[in-house]
Each structure stands twice: as C-alpha cells, then as structure tokens.
Amino acid sequence: MSHVKISSPFFSKLVHQQVTATGTVSSVLAAVNPGEKRILLIIQNKSADVVSAILTSDVAITEGIAIQPNQLISFDNYSGPLRIKSSGSSSLVHVAVANV
C-alpha cells in the first residue's frame, strides 16, 4: 500500500484510491464543482513494467501524459477531470487527492 504524507496548512487529509488502468480509457475523477478547489493531485503508476497514461480532458482523446512504471506525477491546483489508461495489460495506479 502506498503512503503519501505531506504537511500543508491548506488541507488536512489526502483521499486515496487504487485504480486498475486497462487498454481502454476510463474516468477516475470528474471536474470539481464551482466553488470547490482541488489543491493537490498525485498519481502513481504501481506497475513494475507497464506504462500508464493520464488524460486531463473529457474530450474523446486517447493519448495523454505517460507515467513510467513505478513513477509518479503530481498537479497543484488542478480541478479538471482525470481519465487513465495503460499501454497494454492492466496496471495498478494509486491516486491521492486533496480538496478544499
């Protein structure tokens, strides 16, 4: 299990979820509602050999930002949607989110 610990005066907790990425694009997070704010988003590819891709749009695109095996990427103040897919077989992806 992944454990991410960050100290910040702006949020008190991260909400974690495990997602299985497959060869087809699937939605992980919807855009936040007006008036809400997502201040931190961390995505970790937990696979040892499969590249995952994140897509930051609801548009029907199938290419995104690649996350290499055992790597992570983070976004500050990203409030849009998050979709994910893998480059081949399924891979486990960990997502941690902090909202205000």
Protein backbone atom coordinates (compact mmCIF):
# COMPACT_ATOMS: atom_id res chain seq x y z
CA MET A 1 0.00 0.00 0.00
CA SER A 2 1.27 3.47 -0.84
CA HIS A 3 1.65 6.05 1.85
CA VAL A 4 1.92 9.72 1.00
CA LYS A 5 2.34 12.21 3.82
CA ILE A 6 2.53 15.95 3.17
CA SER A 7 2.40 18.79 5.63
CA SER A 8 0.41 21.82 4.47
CA PRO A 9 -1.69 24.46 6.20
CA PHE A 10 -4.23 24.32 3.33
CA PHE A 11 -5.55 20.79 3.75
CA SER A 12 -5.78 18.21 6.47
CA LYS A 13 -6.02 14.94 4.54
CA LEU A 14 -5.50 13.16 1.25
CA VAL A 15 -8.20 10.86 -0.12
CA HIS A 16 -6.65 7.73 -1.64
CA GLN A 17 -7.95 5.27 -4.20
CA GLN A 18 -6.49 2.38 -6.20
CA VAL A 19 -7.49 2.25 -9.86
CA THR A 20 -6.85 -0.51 -12.39
CA ALA A 21 -5.81 1.02 -15.70
CA THR A 22 -6.55 -1.03 -18.81
CA GLY A 23 -6.03 -0.51 -22.54
CA THR A 24 -9.25 1.50 -22.74
CA VAL A 25 -9.68 4.98 -21.33
CA SER A 26 -11.63 5.11 -18.06
CA SER A 27 -12.73 8.01 -15.91
CA VAL A 28 -11.13 8.35 -12.47
CA LEU A 29 -12.17 11.83 -11.29
CA ALA A 30 -14.76 14.29 -12.55
CA ALA A 31 -14.06 18.01 -12.63
CA VAL A 32 -14.79 19.66 -9.29
CA ASN A 33 -17.94 21.70 -8.84
CA PRO A 34 -17.83 25.51 -8.99
CA GLY A 35 -16.73 26.89 -5.64
CA GLU A 36 -14.68 23.79 -4.80
CA LYS A 37 -10.93 23.51 -5.27
CA ARG A 38 -8.66 20.51 -5.71
CA ILE A 39 -5.30 21.70 -4.43
CA LEU A 40 -3.19 18.58 -4.88
CA LEU A 41 -3.44 15.54 -7.15
CA ILE A 42 -0.84 12.75 -7.05
CA ILE A 43 -0.92 9.82 -9.49
CA GLN A 44 1.45 6.86 -9.03
CA ASN A 45 1.90 4.03 -11.52
CA LYS A 46 2.47 0.99 -9.29
CA SER A 47 3.20 -1.40 -12.15
CA ALA A 48 6.73 -2.75 -12.50
CA ASP A 49 6.60 -2.94 -16.30
CA VAL A 50 3.52 -1.23 -17.81
CA VAL A 51 3.37 2.45 -18.79
CA SER A 52 0.14 4.25 -17.82
CA ALA A 53 -1.17 7.47 -19.33
CA ILE A 54 -3.29 10.17 -17.74
CA LEU A 55 -5.68 12.27 -19.77
CA THR A 56 -6.81 15.63 -18.44
CA SER A 57 -9.75 16.21 -20.70
CA ASP A 58 -13.28 14.90 -21.23
CA VAL A 59 -12.73 15.12 -24.99
CA ALA A 60 -12.51 11.79 -26.81
CA ILE A 61 -8.70 11.73 -26.99
CA THR A 62 -6.74 8.56 -26.31
CA GLU A 63 -3.20 9.88 -25.81
CA GLY A 64 -2.05 11.54 -22.62
CA ILE A 65 0.87 12.15 -20.26
CA ALA A 66 2.89 8.96 -19.82
CA ILE A 67 3.76 7.74 -16.33
CA GLN A 68 6.56 5.21 -16.44
CA PRO A 69 6.49 2.10 -14.23
CA ASN A 70 6.98 2.83 -10.51
CA GLN A 71 6.90 6.60 -11.11
CA LEU A 72 4.51 9.35 -10.05
CA ILE A 73 3.32 12.75 -11.20
CA SER A 74 1.61 15.49 -9.23
CA PHE A 75 -0.53 18.50 -10.10
CA ASP A 76 -1.12 21.57 -7.95
CA ASN A 77 -4.48 23.33 -8.24
CA TYR A 78 -5.84 21.07 -10.99
CA SER A 79 -9.64 20.99 -10.85
CA GLY A 80 -10.45 19.32 -14.16
CA PRO A 81 -11.33 15.72 -14.98
CA LEU A 82 -8.88 12.83 -14.82
CA ARG A 83 -9.01 9.78 -17.08
CA ILE A 84 -6.48 6.97 -17.29
CA LYS A 85 -5.36 4.06 -19.48
CA SER A 86 -2.44 1.65 -19.73
CA SER A 87 -0.16 0.88 -22.64
CA GLY A 88 -1.02 -2.79 -22.70
CA SER A 89 -2.04 -5.15 -19.94
CA SER A 90 -3.70 -3.76 -16.86
CA SER A 91 -1.72 -1.85 -14.24
CA LEU A 92 -2.49 -0.65 -10.74
CA VAL A 93 -2.49 3.12 -10.30
CA HIS A 94 -2.71 4.95 -6.97
CA VAL A 95 -4.48 8.33 -6.89
CA ALA A 96 -4.31 10.72 -3.92
CA VAL A 97 -6.40 13.92 -3.88
CA ALA A 98 -6.65 16.88 -1.52
CA ASN A 99 -9.70 19.13 -1.90
CA VAL A 100 -10.60 22.32 -0.09
